[in-house]
Amino acid sequence: MIEKVKTEIILDVNEGTVEDLNDLMEEIKAYTKEYEHDQVTVVAFTETTNTMNERKYEIVLETKRDTENLGRFYESEEEKLFGFYEDDE
């Protein structure tokens, strides 16, 4: 069974480049995962405020999870970002 969960995030950015924002989005998607086979996609990305020193974004993520094929559970933030160690299998 495929389960879909939507998550809304408000992101305040004081400075940085587009590349920094893209890297941050990849990290946010990684942190949203709970299981190895979760698929996280950005379904909405809206700039809600833009002042001289600050930008605010509203981000909606969708996590798609096959409940019959979860994969391993992420037990730490490091596993979410860098994957599992070879001897964890």
N, C-alpha and C. Protein backbone atom coordinates (compact mmCIF):
# COMPACT_ATOMS: atom_id res chain seq x y z
N MET A 1 0.85 -1.18 0.00
CA MET A 1 0.00 0.00 0.00
C MET A 1 0.89 1.24 0.00
N ILE A 2 0.56 2.20 -0.84
CA ILE A 2 1.31 3.45 -0.91
C ILE A 2 0.65 4.47 0.01
N GLU A 3 1.43 5.04 0.89
CA GLU A 3 0.97 6.05 1.83
C GLU A 3 1.63 7.37 1.45
N LYS A 4 0.86 8.45 1.46
CA LYS A 4 1.41 9.77 1.14
C LYS A 4 1.16 10.71 2.32
N VAL A 5 2.22 11.43 2.70
CA VAL A 5 2.14 12.37 3.82
C VAL A 5 2.67 13.71 3.34
N LYS A 6 1.91 14.77 3.58
CA LYS A 6 2.36 16.12 3.22
C LYS A 6 2.87 16.83 4.47
N THR A 7 3.96 17.57 4.28
CA THR A 7 4.59 18.32 5.35
C THR A 7 4.78 19.75 4.88
N GLU A 8 4.38 20.72 5.70
CA GLU A 8 4.56 22.12 5.36
C GLU A 8 5.67 22.71 6.23
N ILE A 9 6.57 23.44 5.59
CA ILE A 9 7.70 24.04 6.28
C ILE A 9 7.76 25.52 5.93
N ILE A 10 8.01 26.35 6.93
CA ILE A 10 8.27 27.77 6.70
C ILE A 10 9.76 27.96 6.91
N LEU A 11 10.42 28.53 5.92
CA LEU A 11 11.87 28.68 5.94
C LEU A 11 12.22 30.16 5.86
N ASP A 12 12.98 30.65 6.86
CA ASP A 12 13.49 32.02 6.87
C ASP A 12 14.93 32.00 6.42
N VAL A 13 15.26 32.82 5.43
CA VAL A 13 16.62 32.87 4.90
C VAL A 13 17.10 34.32 4.99
N ASN A 14 18.23 34.51 5.66
CA ASN A 14 18.78 35.86 5.80
C ASN A 14 19.74 36.20 4.68
N GLU A 15 20.51 35.23 4.23
CA GLU A 15 21.45 35.48 3.14
C GLU A 15 21.80 34.15 2.49
N GLY A 16 22.44 34.22 1.37
CA GLY A 16 22.86 33.00 0.68
C GLY A 16 22.55 33.09 -0.80
N THR A 17 23.06 32.10 -1.51
CA THR A 17 22.88 32.07 -2.96
C THR A 17 21.81 31.04 -3.31
N VAL A 18 21.47 30.98 -4.57
CA VAL A 18 20.51 29.98 -5.06
C VAL A 18 21.08 28.58 -4.82
N GLU A 19 22.37 28.43 -5.01
CA GLU A 19 23.01 27.13 -4.78
C GLU A 19 22.88 26.72 -3.31
N ASP A 20 23.06 27.69 -2.39
CA ASP A 20 22.88 27.40 -0.96
C ASP A 20 21.45 26.94 -0.68
N LEU A 21 20.49 27.60 -1.31
CA LEU A 21 19.09 27.25 -1.12
C LEU A 21 18.80 25.85 -1.66
N ASN A 22 19.38 25.53 -2.81
CA ASN A 22 19.19 24.18 -3.38
C ASN A 22 19.79 23.12 -2.46
N ASP A 23 20.97 23.38 -1.91
CA ASP A 23 21.60 22.44 -0.98
C ASP A 23 20.74 22.26 0.26
N LEU A 24 20.21 23.37 0.76
CA LEU A 24 19.35 23.31 1.94
C LEU A 24 18.09 22.50 1.67
N MET A 25 17.52 22.65 0.48
CA MET A 25 16.33 21.88 0.12
C MET A 25 16.63 20.38 0.09
N GLU A 26 17.79 20.01 -0.43
CA GLU A 26 18.17 18.59 -0.46
C GLU A 26 18.32 18.05 0.97
N GLU A 27 18.88 18.85 1.87
CA GLU A 27 19.01 18.43 3.26
C GLU A 27 17.64 18.29 3.92
N ILE A 28 16.75 19.24 3.67
CA ILE A 28 15.40 19.17 4.24
C ILE A 28 14.69 17.90 3.76
N LYS A 29 14.81 17.59 2.46
CA LYS A 29 14.20 16.38 1.93
C LYS A 29 14.78 15.14 2.61
N ALA A 30 16.09 15.12 2.82
CA ALA A 30 16.74 13.98 3.48
C ALA A 30 16.25 13.83 4.92
N TYR A 31 16.17 14.94 5.64
CA TYR A 31 15.73 14.90 7.04
C TYR A 31 14.26 14.48 7.17
N THR A 32 13.47 14.70 6.13
CA THR A 32 12.05 14.34 6.18
C THR A 32 11.84 12.83 6.12
N LYS A 33 12.77 12.12 5.52
CA LYS A 33 12.64 10.66 5.40
C LYS A 33 12.68 9.99 6.77
N GLU A 34 11.91 8.91 6.89
CA GLU A 34 11.96 8.07 8.08
C GLU A 34 12.48 6.67 7.76
N TYR A 35 12.21 6.22 6.54
CA TYR A 35 12.63 4.89 6.10
C TYR A 35 13.45 5.00 4.83
N GLU A 36 14.27 4.00 4.61
CA GLU A 36 15.22 3.96 3.51
C GLU A 36 14.58 4.19 2.14
N HIS A 37 13.40 3.64 1.90
CA HIS A 37 12.78 3.73 0.58
C HIS A 37 11.77 4.87 0.44
N ASP A 38 11.67 5.74 1.43
CA ASP A 38 10.79 6.90 1.32
C ASP A 38 11.23 7.77 0.15
N GLN A 39 10.26 8.30 -0.56
CA GLN A 39 10.53 9.22 -1.67
C GLN A 39 9.92 10.58 -1.32
N VAL A 40 10.77 11.60 -1.20
CA VAL A 40 10.31 12.93 -0.82
C VAL A 40 10.43 13.86 -2.02
N THR A 41 9.33 14.53 -2.33
CA THR A 41 9.34 15.49 -3.43
C THR A 41 8.77 16.83 -2.95
N VAL A 42 9.22 17.90 -3.58
CA VAL A 42 8.70 19.23 -3.30
C VAL A 42 7.49 19.44 -4.19
N VAL A 43 6.32 19.67 -3.57
CA VAL A 43 5.10 19.88 -4.36
C VAL A 43 4.73 21.35 -4.46
N ALA A 44 5.27 22.17 -3.56
CA ALA A 44 5.04 23.62 -3.63
C ALA A 44 6.22 24.34 -2.99
N PHE A 45 6.61 25.44 -3.63
CA PHE A 45 7.71 26.25 -3.13
C PHE A 45 7.35 27.70 -3.44
N THR A 46 6.96 28.45 -2.41
CA THR A 46 6.46 29.80 -2.62
C THR A 46 7.22 30.79 -1.75
N GLU A 47 7.67 31.88 -2.36
CA GLU A 47 8.28 32.95 -1.57
C GLU A 47 7.15 33.80 -1.02
N THR A 48 7.05 33.88 0.31
CA THR A 48 5.94 34.60 0.94
C THR A 48 6.33 36.00 1.37
N THR A 49 7.61 36.24 1.67
CA THR A 49 8.08 37.55 2.10
C THR A 49 9.45 37.79 1.51
N ASN A 50 9.68 39.02 1.07
CA ASN A 50 11.00 39.37 0.57
C ASN A 50 11.29 40.80 1.02
N THR A 51 12.09 40.93 2.06
CA THR A 51 12.51 42.25 2.53
C THR A 51 13.98 42.42 2.19
N MET A 52 14.54 43.52 2.57
CA MET A 52 15.92 43.81 2.22
C MET A 52 16.89 42.75 2.76
N ASN A 53 16.69 42.28 3.97
CA ASN A 53 17.62 41.35 4.59
C ASN A 53 17.07 39.94 4.79
N GLU A 54 15.81 39.71 4.48
CA GLU A 54 15.23 38.41 4.77
C GLU A 54 14.25 37.98 3.69
N ARG A 55 14.30 36.69 3.41
CA ARG A 55 13.32 36.06 2.52
C ARG A 55 12.65 34.94 3.29
N LYS A 56 11.37 34.78 3.09
CA LYS A 56 10.64 33.70 3.75
C LYS A 56 9.95 32.87 2.68
N TYR A 57 10.08 31.54 2.82
CA TYR A 57 9.51 30.61 1.85
C TYR A 57 8.56 29.65 2.55
N GLU A 58 7.51 29.29 1.85
CA GLU A 58 6.62 28.22 2.30
C GLU A 58 6.88 27.04 1.39
N ILE A 59 7.21 25.91 1.99
CA ILE A 59 7.57 24.71 1.25
C ILE A 59 6.61 23.59 1.65
N VAL A 60 6.07 22.90 0.66
CA VAL A 60 5.23 21.73 0.94
C VAL A 60 5.93 20.52 0.32
N LEU A 61 6.19 19.54 1.18
CA LEU A 61 6.83 18.30 0.76
C LEU A 61 5.83 17.17 0.82
N GLU A 62 5.99 16.21 -0.08
CA GLU A 62 5.16 15.00 -0.05
C GLU A 62 6.08 13.80 0.09
N THR A 63 5.84 13.02 1.13
CA THR A 63 6.59 11.79 1.34
C THR A 63 5.72 10.62 0.89
N LYS A 64 6.25 9.86 -0.06
CA LYS A 64 5.55 8.68 -0.56
C LYS A 64 6.24 7.47 0.04
N ARG A 65 5.44 6.61 0.70
CA ARG A 65 5.98 5.45 1.40
C ARG A 65 5.20 4.20 1.02
N ASP A 66 5.94 3.19 0.57
CA ASP A 66 5.35 1.88 0.29
C ASP A 66 5.39 1.10 1.60
N THR A 67 4.26 0.95 2.25
CA THR A 67 4.22 0.33 3.57
C THR A 67 4.57 -1.16 3.54
N GLU A 68 4.61 -1.75 2.36
CA GLU A 68 4.99 -3.15 2.24
C GLU A 68 6.47 -3.31 1.90
N ASN A 69 7.16 -2.21 1.66
CA ASN A 69 8.59 -2.23 1.34
C ASN A 69 9.25 -0.97 1.91
N LEU A 70 9.32 -0.91 3.24
CA LEU A 70 9.82 0.29 3.91
C LEU A 70 11.33 0.45 3.81
N GLY A 71 12.05 -0.64 3.81
CA GLY A 71 13.50 -0.55 3.94
C GLY A 71 13.86 -0.35 5.40
N ARG A 72 15.10 -0.01 5.64
CA ARG A 72 15.56 0.17 7.02
C ARG A 72 15.09 1.50 7.60
N PHE A 73 14.86 1.51 8.91
CA PHE A 73 14.46 2.72 9.62
C PHE A 73 15.71 3.56 9.91
N TYR A 74 15.63 4.85 9.63
CA TYR A 74 16.75 5.75 9.95
C TYR A 74 16.74 6.02 11.45
N GLU A 75 17.83 5.65 12.10
CA GLU A 75 17.93 5.85 13.55
C GLU A 75 18.65 7.13 13.93
N SER A 76 19.30 7.78 12.97
CA SER A 76 20.02 9.01 13.29
C SER A 76 19.97 9.97 12.10
N GLU A 77 20.27 11.22 12.38
CA GLU A 77 20.31 12.23 11.32
C GLU A 77 21.45 11.94 10.35
N GLU A 78 22.55 11.38 10.85
CA GLU A 78 23.70 11.04 10.00
C GLU A 78 23.31 10.00 8.96
N GLU A 79 22.52 9.00 9.36
CA GLU A 79 22.07 7.98 8.41
C GLU A 79 21.20 8.60 7.32
N LYS A 80 20.38 9.58 7.68
CA LYS A 80 19.53 10.23 6.69
C LYS A 80 20.35 10.97 5.66
N LEU A 81 21.43 11.62 6.09
CA LEU A 81 22.25 12.42 5.18
C LEU A 81 23.28 11.60 4.41
N PHE A 82 23.90 10.62 5.10
CA PHE A 82 25.04 9.93 4.52
C PHE A 82 24.78 8.46 4.20
N GLY A 83 23.62 7.95 4.58
CA GLY A 83 23.29 6.56 4.32
C GLY A 83 23.75 5.65 5.44
N PHE A 84 23.54 4.37 5.25
CA PHE A 84 23.87 3.36 6.25
C PHE A 84 25.30 2.88 6.04
N TYR A 85 25.93 2.48 7.13
CA TYR A 85 27.25 1.87 7.02
C TYR A 85 27.09 0.47 6.41
N GLU A 86 28.11 0.00 5.73
CA GLU A 86 28.06 -1.31 5.07
C GLU A 86 27.74 -2.45 6.05
N ASP A 87 28.25 -2.37 7.27
CA ASP A 87 28.02 -3.47 8.22
C ASP A 87 26.66 -3.39 8.90
N ASP A 88 25.85 -2.37 8.57
CA ASP A 88 24.49 -2.24 9.12
C ASP A 88 23.49 -3.13 8.40
N GLU A 89 23.86 -3.69 7.27
CA GLU A 89 22.92 -4.46 6.46
C GLU A 89 22.66 -5.79 7.01
